[in-house]
C-alpha atoms as a PDB file:
ATOM      1  CA  MET A   1      19.967   7.136   7.288  1.00  0.00           C
ATOM      2  CA  ASN A   2      20.126  10.929   5.844  1.00  0.00           C
ATOM      3  CA  PHE A   3      19.872   9.455   2.305  1.00  0.00           C
ATOM      4  CA  VAL A   4      16.602   7.671   3.021  1.00  0.00           C
ATOM      5  CA  LEU A   5      15.229  10.674   4.835  1.00  0.00           C
ATOM      6  CA  THR A   6      16.136  12.843   2.049  1.00  0.00           C
ATOM      7  CA  ALA A   7      14.448  10.461  -0.536  1.00  0.00           C
ATOM      8  CA  VAL A   8      11.421  10.255   1.455  1.00  0.00           C
ATOM      9  CA  CYS A   9      11.030  14.126   1.750  1.00  0.00           C
ATOM     10  CA  VAL A  10      11.687  14.603  -1.963  1.00  0.00           C
ATOM     11  CA  LEU A  11       8.998  12.242  -2.894  1.00  0.00           C
ATOM     12  CA  GLY A  12       6.537  13.601  -0.477  1.00  0.00           C
ATOM     13  CA  ALA A  13       7.168  17.058  -1.963  1.00  0.00           C
ATOM     14  CA  ILE A  14       6.773  15.914  -5.402  1.00  0.00           C
ATOM     15  CA  ALA A  15       3.574  13.964  -4.390  1.00  0.00           C
ATOM     16  CA  LEU A  16       2.145  17.344  -2.655  1.00  0.00           C
ATOM     17  CA  VAL A  17       2.946  19.494  -5.943  1.00  0.00           C
ATOM     18  CA  ALA A  18       1.286  16.973  -8.100  1.00  0.00           C
ATOM     19  CA  ALA A  19      -1.598  16.667  -5.930  1.00  0.00           C
ATOM     20  CA  ILE A  20      -1.945  20.438  -5.842  1.00  0.00           C
ATOM     21  CA  VAL A  21      -1.665  20.669  -9.896  1.00  0.00           C
ATOM     22  CA  LEU A  22      -4.161  18.004 -10.204  1.00  0.00           C
ATOM     23  CA  TYR A  23      -6.600  19.675  -7.965  1.00  0.00           C
ATOM     24  CA  VAL A  24      -6.130  23.228  -9.860  1.00  0.00           C
ATOM     25  CA  VAL A  25      -6.615  21.187 -13.362  1.00  0.00           C
ATOM     26  CA  SER A  26      -9.778  19.458 -12.054  1.00  0.00           C
ATOM     27  CA  LYS A  27     -11.374  22.641 -11.182  1.00  0.00           C
ATOM     28  CA  LYS A  28     -10.341  24.704 -13.995  1.00  0.00           C
ATOM     29  CA  PHE A  29     -11.328  22.109 -16.684  1.00  0.00           C
ATOM     30  CA  ALA A  30     -14.267  20.578 -14.842  1.00  0.00           C
ATOM     31  CA  VAL A  31     -17.311  19.725 -16.965  1.00  0.00           C
ATOM     32  CA  GLU A  32     -20.522  20.388 -14.838  1.00  0.00           C
ATOM     33  CA  GLU A  33     -23.297  17.906 -15.820  1.00  0.00           C
ATOM     34  CA  ASP A  34     -26.842  19.155 -15.787  1.00  0.00           C
ATOM     35  CA  PRO A  35     -28.453  17.680 -12.782  1.00  0.00           C
ATOM     36  CA  ARG A  36     -31.721  16.971 -14.918  1.00  0.00           C
ATOM     37  CA  ILE A  37     -29.720  14.296 -16.797  1.00  0.00           C
ATOM     38  CA  GLY A  38     -29.437  12.316 -13.359  1.00  0.00           C
ATOM     39  CA  GLU A  39     -33.173  12.834 -12.662  1.00  0.00           C
ATOM     40  CA  VAL A  40     -34.112  11.646 -16.097  1.00  0.00           C
ATOM     41  CA  THR A  41     -31.734   8.671 -15.927  1.00  0.00           C
ATOM     42  CA  ALA A  42     -33.477   7.651 -12.618  1.00  0.00           C
ATOM     43  CA  LEU A  43     -36.982   7.691 -14.519  1.00  0.00           C
ATOM     44  CA  LEU A  44     -35.797   5.617 -17.226  1.00  0.00           C
ATOM     45  CA  PRO A  45     -35.934   1.749 -16.971  1.00  0.00           C
ATOM     46  CA  GLY A  46     -32.166   1.194 -16.661  1.00  0.00           C
ATOM     47  CA  ALA A  47     -32.175  -1.623 -19.382  1.00  0.00           C
ATOM     48  CA  ASN A  48     -29.212  -0.054 -21.227  1.00  0.00           C
ATOM     49  CA  CYS A  49     -30.573  -2.150 -24.315  1.00  0.00           C
ATOM     50  CA  GLY A  50     -29.765   0.569 -27.046  1.00  0.00           C
ATOM     51  CA  GLY A  51     -33.248   0.387 -28.502  1.00  0.00           C
ATOM     52  CA  CYS A  52     -33.515   4.233 -28.270  1.00  0.00           C
ATOM     53  CA  GLY A  53     -30.529   4.524 -30.428  1.00  0.00           C
ATOM     54  CA  PHE A  54     -28.075   5.520 -27.661  1.00  0.00           C
ATOM     55  CA  ALA A  55     -25.346   3.325 -25.925  1.00  0.00           C
ATOM     56  CA  GLY A  56     -27.460   3.282 -22.665  1.00  0.00           C
ATOM     57  CA  CYS A  57     -30.080   5.274 -20.555  1.00  0.00           C
ATOM     58  CA  SER A  58     -27.384   7.899 -19.593  1.00  0.00           C
ATOM     59  CA  GLY A  59     -26.887   8.569 -23.341  1.00  0.00           C
ATOM     60  CA  MET A  60     -30.796   8.853 -23.814  1.00  0.00           C
ATOM     61  CA  ALA A  61     -31.207  10.972 -20.771  1.00  0.00           C
ATOM     62  CA  GLY A  62     -28.552  13.520 -22.108  1.00  0.00           C
ATOM     63  CA  ALA A  63     -30.331  13.629 -25.476  1.00  0.00           C
ATOM     64  CA  LEU A  64     -33.547  14.107 -23.780  1.00  0.00           C
ATOM     65  CA  VAL A  65     -32.362  17.039 -21.566  1.00  0.00           C
ATOM     66  CA  CYS A  66     -30.588  18.552 -24.851  1.00  0.00           C
ATOM     67  CA  GLY A  67     -34.074  18.185 -26.654  1.00  0.00           C
ATOM     68  CA  ALA A  68     -35.958  19.710 -23.973  1.00  0.00           C
ATOM     69  CA  ASP A  69     -33.766  22.663 -23.923  1.00  0.00           C
ATOM     70  CA  LYS A  70     -34.603  23.180 -27.847  1.00  0.00           C
ATOM     71  CA  GLY A  71     -38.300  22.720 -26.860  1.00  0.00           C
ATOM     72  CA  SER A  72     -38.911  19.400 -28.411  1.00  0.00           C
ATOM     73  CA  ILE A  73     -38.095  15.723 -27.601  1.00  0.00           C
ATOM     74  CA  GLU A  74     -39.671  14.400 -30.861  1.00  0.00           C
ATOM     75  CA  GLY A  75     -38.186  11.275 -32.122  1.00  0.00           C
ATOM     76  CA  LEU A  76     -36.593  10.246 -28.827  1.00  0.00           C
ATOM     77  CA  VAL A  77     -38.514   7.153 -27.336  1.00  0.00           C
ATOM     78  CA  CYS A  78     -37.638   4.817 -24.742  1.00  0.00           C
ATOM     79  CA  PRO A  79     -39.105   1.471 -26.165  1.00  0.00           C
ATOM     80  CA  VAL A  80     -38.759  -0.473 -22.825  1.00  0.00           C
ATOM     81  CA  GLY A  81     -40.421   2.320 -20.701  1.00  0.00           C
ATOM     82  CA  GLY A  82     -43.186   3.146 -23.129  1.00  0.00           C
ATOM     83  CA  GLU A  83     -45.816   5.505 -22.868  1.00  0.00           C
ATOM     84  CA  GLU A  84     -45.780   5.865 -19.049  1.00  0.00           C
ATOM     85  CA  VAL A  85     -41.970   6.418 -18.804  1.00  0.00           C
ATOM     86  CA  MET A  86     -42.053   9.107 -21.487  1.00  0.00           C
ATOM     87  CA  LYS A  87     -44.873  10.910 -19.849  1.00  0.00           C
ATOM     88  CA  GLN A  88     -42.880  10.991 -16.428  1.00  0.00           C
ATOM     89  CA  VAL A  89     -39.945  12.294 -18.528  1.00  0.00           C
ATOM     90  CA  ALA A  90     -41.811  15.013 -20.143  1.00  0.00           C
ATOM     91  CA  ASP A  91     -43.332  16.054 -16.713  1.00  0.00           C
ATOM     92  CA  ALA A  92     -39.919  16.182 -15.211  1.00  0.00           C
ATOM     93  CA  LEU A  93     -38.559  18.483 -18.201  1.00  0.00           C
ATOM     94  CA  GLY A  94     -41.539  20.606 -18.026  1.00  0.00           C
ATOM     95  CA  ILE A  95     -42.698  19.735 -21.719  1.00  0.00           C
ATOM     96  CA  THR A  96     -45.375  17.893 -23.788  1.00  0.00           C
ATOM     97  CA  VAL A  97     -44.624  14.864 -25.755  1.00  0.00           C
ATOM     98  CA  ALA A  98     -46.477  13.184 -28.501  1.00  0.00           C
ATOM     99  CA  ILE A  99     -46.799   9.542 -27.663  1.00  0.00           C
ATOM    100  CA  ALA A 100     -45.561   7.306 -30.492  1.00  0.00           C
ATOM    101  CA  GLU A 101     -47.678   4.338 -31.651  1.00  0.00           C
ATOM    102  CA  ALA A 102     -46.581   0.957 -30.046  1.00  0.00           C
ATOM    103  CA  MET A 103     -44.382  -1.131 -32.172  1.00  0.00           C
ATOM    104  CA  VAL A 104     -43.650  -4.854 -32.038  1.00  0.00           C
ATOM    105  CA  ALA A 105     -41.049  -7.053 -33.549  1.00  0.00           C
ATOM    106  CA  VAL A 106     -42.478  -9.494 -36.287  1.00  0.00           C
ATOM    107  CA  VAL A 107     -40.490 -12.442 -37.978  1.00  0.00           C
ATOM    108  CA  ARG A 108     -40.943 -12.111 -41.708  1.00  0.00           C
ATOM    109  CA  CYS A 109     -40.307 -15.701 -42.665  1.00  0.00           C
ATOM    110  CA  ASN A 110     -42.776 -18.714 -42.583  1.00  0.00           C
ATOM    111  CA  GLY A 111     -40.235 -21.237 -43.948  1.00  0.00           C
ATOM    112  CA  SER A 112     -40.761 -23.916 -41.308  1.00  0.00           C
ATOM    113  CA  CYS A 113     -39.613 -27.475 -41.674  1.00  0.00           C
ATOM    114  CA  ALA A 114     -42.823 -28.328 -43.439  1.00  0.00           C
ATOM    115  CA  HIS A 115     -42.876 -25.511 -46.045  1.00  0.00           C
ATOM    116  CA  ARG A 116     -38.882 -25.405 -46.622  1.00  0.00           C
ATOM    117  CA  PRO A 117     -37.154 -28.868 -46.972  1.00  0.00           C
ATOM    118  CA  ARG A 118     -33.577 -29.148 -45.777  1.00  0.00           C
ATOM    119  CA  ILE A 119     -30.999 -29.937 -48.466  1.00  0.00           C
ATOM    120  CA  ALA A 120     -27.959 -29.967 -46.535  1.00  0.00           C
ATOM    121  CA  ALA A 121     -26.624 -30.520 -42.918  1.00  0.00           C
ATOM    122  CA  TYR A 122     -24.602 -27.776 -41.150  1.00  0.00           C
ATOM    123  CA  ASP A 123     -21.868 -28.778 -38.703  1.00  0.00           C
ATOM    124  CA  GLY A 124     -20.355 -25.794 -37.248  1.00  0.00           C
ATOM    125  CA  LEU A 125     -20.679 -23.080 -34.879  1.00  0.00           C
ATOM    126  CA  HIS A 126     -24.440 -22.985 -33.890  1.00  0.00           C
ATOM    127  CA  THR A 127     -25.265 -19.359 -34.599  1.00  0.00           C
ATOM    128  CA  CYS A 128     -26.995 -17.606 -37.435  1.00  0.00           C
ATOM    129  CA  ALA A 129     -24.121 -15.498 -38.149  1.00  0.00           C
ATOM    130  CA  ALA A 130     -21.745 -18.285 -38.544  1.00  0.00           C
ATOM    131  CA  MET A 131     -24.195 -20.186 -40.494  1.00  0.00           C
ATOM    132  CA  HIS A 132     -25.142 -17.356 -42.797  1.00  0.00           C
ATOM    133  CA  ALA A 133     -21.219 -16.679 -43.547  1.00  0.00           C
ATOM    134  CA  THR A 134     -21.024 -20.096 -44.835  1.00  0.00           C
ATOM    135  CA  GLY A 135     -23.816 -19.734 -47.583  1.00  0.00           C
ATOM    136  CA  ALA A 136     -27.361 -20.604 -47.862  1.00  0.00           C
ATOM    137  CA  GLY A 137     -27.655 -22.601 -44.723  1.00  0.00           C
ATOM    138  CA  GLU A 138     -29.542 -25.991 -44.743  1.00  0.00           C
ATOM    139  CA  THR A 139     -31.888 -25.022 -47.275  1.00  0.00           C
ATOM    140  CA  SER A 140     -31.946 -23.768 -50.744  1.00  0.00           C
ATOM    141  CA  CYS A 141     -33.482 -20.431 -49.575  1.00  0.00           C
ATOM    142  CA  GLY A 142     -30.631 -17.921 -48.811  1.00  0.00           C
ATOM    143  CA  PHE A 143     -33.000 -15.407 -47.612  1.00  0.00           C
ATOM    144  CA  GLY A 144     -35.095 -17.272 -44.738  1.00  0.00           C
ATOM    145  CA  CYS A 145     -34.631 -17.863 -41.106  1.00  0.00           C
ATOM    146  CA  LEU A 146     -31.662 -20.139 -39.941  1.00  0.00           C
ATOM    147  CA  GLY A 147     -33.221 -21.025 -36.705  1.00  0.00           C
ATOM    148  CA  CYS A 148     -30.175 -20.858 -34.326  1.00  0.00           C
ATOM    149  CA  GLY A 149     -31.540 -18.321 -32.197  1.00  0.00           C
ATOM    150  CA  ASP A 150     -29.308 -15.378 -32.251  1.00  0.00           C
ATOM    151  CA  CYS A 151     -32.418 -13.248 -31.810  1.00  0.00           C
ATOM    152  CA  VAL A 152     -33.353 -15.375 -28.781  1.00  0.00           C
ATOM    153  CA  GLU A 153     -29.817 -14.614 -27.176  1.00  0.00           C
ATOM    154  CA  ALA A 154     -30.170 -10.928 -27.965  1.00  0.00           C
ATOM    155  CA  CYS A 155     -33.380 -10.311 -26.317  1.00  0.00           C
ATOM    156  CA  LEU A 156     -33.145  -8.969 -22.624  1.00  0.00           C
ATOM    157  CA  PHE A 157     -36.894  -9.446 -21.947  1.00  0.00           C
ATOM    158  CA  ASP A 158     -37.488 -13.291 -22.830  1.00  0.00           C
ATOM    159  CA  ALA A 159     -39.984 -12.120 -25.504  1.00  0.00           C
ATOM    160  CA  ILE A 160     -38.717 -14.396 -28.356  1.00  0.00           C
ATOM    161  CA  HIS A 161     -38.274 -18.016 -28.433  1.00  0.00           C
ATOM    162  CA  ILE A 162     -37.566 -20.768 -31.333  1.00  0.00           C
ATOM    163  CA  ASN A 163     -40.695 -23.109 -31.857  1.00  0.00           C
ATOM    164  CA  GLU A 164     -39.254 -26.523 -31.808  1.00  0.00           C
ATOM    165  CA  GLU A 165     -41.800 -27.775 -34.220  1.00  0.00           C
ATOM    166  CA  THR A 166     -41.533 -25.290 -36.846  1.00  0.00           C
ATOM    167  CA  GLY A 167     -37.943 -24.277 -36.256  1.00  0.00           C
ATOM    168  CA  LEU A 168     -38.769 -20.483 -36.319  1.00  0.00           C
ATOM    169  CA  PRO A 169     -38.582 -17.731 -33.753  1.00  0.00           C
ATOM    170  CA  GLU A 170     -41.910 -16.537 -32.451  1.00  0.00           C
ATOM    171  CA  VAL A 171     -42.581 -13.226 -30.515  1.00  0.00           C
ATOM    172  CA  ASP A 172     -44.469 -12.744 -27.502  1.00  0.00           C
ATOM    173  CA  GLU A 173     -46.006  -9.400 -28.190  1.00  0.00           C
ATOM    174  CA  ASP A 174     -46.906  -8.939 -24.544  1.00  0.00           C
ATOM    175  CA  LYS A 175     -43.223  -9.101 -23.530  1.00  0.00           C
ATOM    176  CA  CYS A 176     -41.777  -7.312 -26.702  1.00  0.00           C
ATOM    177  CA  THR A 177     -40.574  -3.757 -25.771  1.00  0.00           C
ATOM    178  CA  SER A 178     -39.677  -3.075 -29.492  1.00  0.00           C
ATOM    179  CA  CYS A 179     -35.976  -2.450 -28.569  1.00  0.00           C
ATOM    180  CA  GLY A 180     -34.869  -3.576 -31.705  1.00  0.00           C
ATOM    181  CA  ALA A 181     -32.098  -6.125 -30.323  1.00  0.00           C
ATOM    182  CA  CYS A 182     -33.336  -8.993 -32.151  1.00  0.00           C
ATOM    183  CA  VAL A 183     -33.495  -6.996 -35.459  1.00  0.00           C
ATOM    184  CA  LYS A 184     -29.905  -6.111 -35.101  1.00  0.00           C
ATOM    185  CA  ALA A 185     -28.894  -9.722 -34.283  1.00  0.00           C
ATOM    186  CA  CYS A 186     -30.432 -11.359 -37.373  1.00  0.00           C
ATOM    187  CA  PRO A 187     -27.755 -11.523 -40.020  1.00  0.00           C
ATOM    188  CA  ARG A 188     -30.661 -11.979 -42.693  1.00  0.00           C
ATOM    189  CA  HIS A 189     -32.738  -9.216 -41.564  1.00  0.00           C
ATOM    190  CA  ILE A 190     -36.034 -11.009 -41.378  1.00  0.00           C
ATOM    191  CA  ILE A 191     -37.169  -9.483 -38.226  1.00  0.00           C
ATOM    192  CA  GLU A 192     -38.713  -6.039 -38.417  1.00  0.00           C
ATOM    193  CA  LEU A 193     -40.361  -3.668 -36.108  1.00  0.00           C
ATOM    194  CA  ARG A 194     -43.840  -2.728 -37.103  1.00  0.00           C
ATOM    195  CA  LYS A 195     -46.755  -0.904 -35.519  1.00  0.00           C
ATOM    196  CA  LYS A 196     -48.684  -3.017 -33.227  1.00  0.00           C
ATOM    197  CA  GLY A 197     -51.669  -1.852 -34.899  1.00  0.00           C
ATOM    198  CA  PRO A 198     -55.400  -1.263 -33.457  1.00  0.00           C
ATOM    199  CA  LYS A 199     -56.411  -4.162 -30.982  1.00  0.00           C
ATOM    200  CA  GLY A 200     -52.730  -5.843 -32.004  1.00  0.00           C
ATOM    201  CA  ARG A 201     -54.045  -6.402 -35.774  1.00  0.00           C
ATOM    202  CA  ARG A 202     -51.452  -6.152 -38.397  1.00  0.00           C
ATOM    203  CA  VAL A 203     -50.906  -7.520 -41.852  1.00  0.00           C
ATOM    204  CA  TYR A 204     -47.484  -8.148 -43.262  1.00  0.00           C
ATOM    205  CA  VAL A 205     -45.729 -10.220 -45.777  1.00  0.00           C
ATOM    206  CA  GLN A 206     -44.074 -13.236 -44.210  1.00  0.00           C
ATOM    207  CA  CYS A 207     -41.199 -13.474 -46.615  1.00  0.00           C
ATOM    208  CA  VAL A 208     -38.006 -11.662 -47.599  1.00  0.00           C
ATOM    209  CA  ASN A 209     -36.848 -13.951 -50.706  1.00  0.00           C
ATOM    210  CA  MET A 210     -35.975 -11.712 -53.529  1.00  0.00           C
ATOM    211  CA  ASP A 211     -35.579 -14.596 -55.892  1.00  0.00           C
ATOM    212  CA  LYS A 212     -37.668 -14.783 -58.955  1.00  0.00           C
ATOM    213  CA  GLY A 213     -40.944 -16.480 -58.453  1.00  0.00           C
ATOM    214  CA  ALA A 214     -40.171 -19.972 -59.712  1.00  0.00           C
ATOM    215  CA  VAL A 215     -36.998 -20.230 -57.839  1.00  0.00           C
ATOM    216  CA  ALA A 216     -38.484 -18.685 -54.541  1.00  0.00           C
ATOM    217  CA  LYS A 217     -41.560 -21.204 -54.891  1.00  0.00           C
ATOM    218  CA  LYS A 218     -38.981 -24.117 -55.272  1.00  0.00           C
ATOM    219  CA  ALA A 219     -37.210 -23.267 -52.269  1.00  0.00           C
ATOM    220  CA  CYS A 220     -40.207 -22.600 -50.001  1.00  0.00           C
ATOM    221  CA  GLU A 221     -43.811 -23.296 -50.764  1.00  0.00           C
ATOM    222  CA  VAL A 222     -45.155 -20.374 -48.959  1.00  0.00           C
ATOM    223  CA  ALA A 223     -42.646 -17.963 -50.432  1.00  0.00           C
ATOM    224  CA  CYS A 224     -43.665 -14.442 -52.168  1.00  0.00           C
ATOM    225  CA  ILE A 225     -43.500 -14.879 -55.892  1.00  0.00           C
ATOM    226  CA  GLY A 226     -43.796 -11.053 -56.718  1.00  0.00           C
ATOM    227  CA  CYS A 227     -46.924 -11.751 -58.747  1.00  0.00           C
ATOM    228  CA  GLY A 228     -48.309  -8.477 -57.879  1.00  0.00           C
ATOM    229  CA  LYS A 229     -51.793  -9.855 -57.370  1.00  0.00           C
ATOM    230  CA  CYS A 230     -51.878  -8.166 -53.784  1.00  0.00           C
ATOM    231  CA  GLU A 231     -50.712  -4.797 -55.071  1.00  0.00           C
ATOM    232  CA  LYS A 232     -53.302  -4.734 -57.797  1.00  0.00           C
ATOM    233  CA  VAL A 233     -56.137  -5.435 -55.133  1.00  0.00           C
ATOM    234  CA  CYS A 234     -54.844  -2.815 -52.623  1.00  0.00           C
ATOM    235  CA  LYS A 235     -57.149   0.392 -52.980  1.00  0.00           C
ATOM    236  CA  PHE A 236     -54.647   2.323 -50.586  1.00  0.00           C
ATOM    237  CA  GLU A 237     -51.554   1.891 -52.290  1.00  0.00           C
ATOM    238  CA  ALA A 238     -50.161   0.313 -49.342  1.00  0.00           C
ATOM    239  CA  ILE A 239     -48.208  -2.629 -51.297  1.00  0.00           C
ATOM    240  CA  THR A 240     -45.351  -2.231 -53.471  1.00  0.00           C
ATOM    241  CA  ILE A 241     -43.400  -4.876 -55.587  1.00  0.00           C
ATOM    242  CA  GLU A 242     -39.363  -4.539 -55.560  1.00  0.00           C
ATOM    243  CA  ASN A 243     -36.709  -6.927 -56.293  1.00  0.00           C
ATOM    244  CA  ASN A 244     -39.650  -9.743 -56.857  1.00  0.00           C
ATOM    245  CA  LEU A 245     -40.788  -9.227 -53.348  1.00  0.00           C
ATOM    246  CA  SER A 246     -43.869  -7.598 -52.087  1.00  0.00           C
ATOM    247  CA  TYR A 247     -43.986  -5.221 -49.082  1.00  0.00           C
ATOM    248  CA  ILE A 248     -46.854  -3.700 -46.935  1.00  0.00           C
ATOM    249  CA  ASP A 249     -46.249  -0.151 -45.752  1.00  0.00           C
ATOM    250  CA  TYR A 250     -47.997  -0.130 -42.303  1.00  0.00           C
ATOM    251  CA  ASN A 251     -48.565   3.572 -42.436  1.00  0.00           C
ATOM    252  CA  LYS A 252     -50.670   3.157 -45.263  1.00  0.00           C
ATOM    253  CA  CYS A 253     -52.522  -0.189 -44.872  1.00  0.00           C
ATOM    254  CA  ARG A 254     -55.987  -0.045 -43.618  1.00  0.00           C
ATOM    255  CA  LEU A 255     -56.100  -3.808 -42.665  1.00  0.00           C
ATOM    256  CA  CYS A 256     -58.862  -4.688 -45.078  1.00  0.00           C
ATOM    257  CA  THR A 257     -57.037  -8.037 -45.514  1.00  0.00           C
ATOM    258  CA  LYS A 258     -57.979  -8.360 -49.220  1.00  0.00           C
ATOM    259  CA  CYS A 259     -54.391  -8.975 -50.078  1.00  0.00           C
ATOM    260  CA  VAL A 260     -54.232 -11.837 -47.623  1.00  0.00           C
ATOM    261  CA  ASP A 261     -57.138 -13.456 -49.641  1.00  0.00           C
ATOM    262  CA  GLU A 262     -55.594 -12.743 -52.918  1.00  0.00           C
ATOM    263  CA  CYS A 263     -52.095 -14.048 -52.309  1.00  0.00           C
ATOM    264  CA  PRO A 264     -51.761 -17.528 -54.160  1.00  0.00           C
ATOM    265  CA  THR A 265     -49.042 -18.816 -51.902  1.00  0.00           C
ATOM    266  CA  GLY A 266     -50.209 -17.653 -48.581  1.00  0.00           C
ATOM    267  CA  ALA A 267     -47.198 -15.430 -48.140  1.00  0.00           C
ATOM    268  CA  ILE A 268     -49.324 -12.583 -46.373  1.00  0.00           C
ATOM    269  CA  LEU A 269     -50.179 -13.144 -42.804  1.00  0.00           C
ATOM    270  CA  LYS A 270     -52.890 -11.361 -40.577  1.00  0.00           C
ATOM    271  CA  ILE A 271     -52.645 -11.205 -37.005  1.00  0.00           C
ATOM    272  CA  ASN A 272     -55.226 -11.084 -34.153  1.00  0.00           C
ATOM    273  CA  PHE A 273     -57.962 -10.775 -36.478  1.00  0.00           C
ATOM    274  CA  PRO A 274     -61.485 -12.278 -35.532  1.00  0.00           C
ATOM    275  CA  LEU A 275     -62.152 -15.763 -37.028  1.00  0.00           C
ATOM    276  CA  LYS A 276     -64.796 -15.386 -40.020  1.00  0.00           C
ATOM    277  CA  LYS A 277     -68.240 -16.994 -39.095  1.00  0.00           C
ATOM    278  CA  MET A 278     -68.581 -20.264 -41.170  1.00  0.00           C
ATOM    279  CA  VAL A 279     -72.316 -20.290 -42.670  1.00  0.00           C
ATOM    280  CA  ASN A 280     -73.695 -23.731 -42.350  1.00  0.00           C
ATOM    281  CA  THR A 281     -74.916 -24.265 -45.960  1.00  0.00           C
ATOM    282  CA  GLU A 282     -76.892 -27.335 -45.177  1.00  0.00           C
ATOM    283  CA  VAL A 283     -79.053 -25.495 -42.497  1.00  0.00           C
ATOM    284  CA  VAL A 284     -79.353 -22.569 -44.932  1.00  0.00           C
ATOM    285  CA  ALA A 285     -80.665 -24.901 -47.795  1.00  0.00           C
ATOM    286  CA  GLN A 286     -83.204 -26.723 -45.311  1.00  0.00           C
ATOM    287  CA  GLU A 287     -84.456 -23.409 -44.192  1.00  0.00           C
ATOM    288  CA  SER A 288     -85.073 -22.157 -47.700  1.00  0.00           C
ATOM    289  CA  GLU A 289     -86.781 -25.546 -48.494  1.00  0.00           C
ATOM    290  CA  VAL A 290     -89.118 -24.996 -45.624  1.00  0.00           C
ATOM    291  CA  LYS A 291     -89.927 -21.504 -46.726  1.00  0.00           C
ATOM    292  CA  ALA A 292     -90.760 -22.786 -50.345  1.00  0.00           C
END
């Protein structure tokens, strides 16, 4: 009995000493968190999507507070919360913030089933990453969309889906928060964040094939062949040709759409532009005869 009582007393004394030591150490080496971090975290949407470049909203909040102490939070943007949330954060931190232009994800591949014939059948793990690792996939284009939907799985906002008819992903720009999750998920880097543009209008090359013209055209009839016609017609130096592929700089593009009309393969796409009014030539001819 005395042995048991002694053991209990010894263990109790050790526990008490350990508790005192831990308490002293926790007080001595405590790291105090700026209370503003919690306030800013509460203002952020809590999606923890990583679109801001940080692991989560708490990391973003810490960077915003740190930036505010330095006098600027330029370059720090919450793509999910957007302009409204950033204004609230700026007010809470007592600084002004320049609102960044809205961005949206675009799919730079138009190699649908009709444009890009299948030459093989893939029978493996149904993910783009797995199919990409095996080679070109089911078509002879080693650059285009694989259509397994890794981007769909990565999107937390239900903003991207695979069109069953074309086999290509389509982005709902009203739901897209430009978090960049789909961009990171695509093993072939065909998804890009671009400026949403005035009235949602934008122009971009819907192809990432860097093969030479004849090879690219054989693999997909709407591929960019790097002919350079779009570059020559652009008056704003917004288009460059590199690695047999045309690219439009959205910061320089003035949305004149001349490149769209000039492209011989239809690889350049324009979004949300009004339809051109078609003139009825027969009516015009009849009116001219009457006047004559």
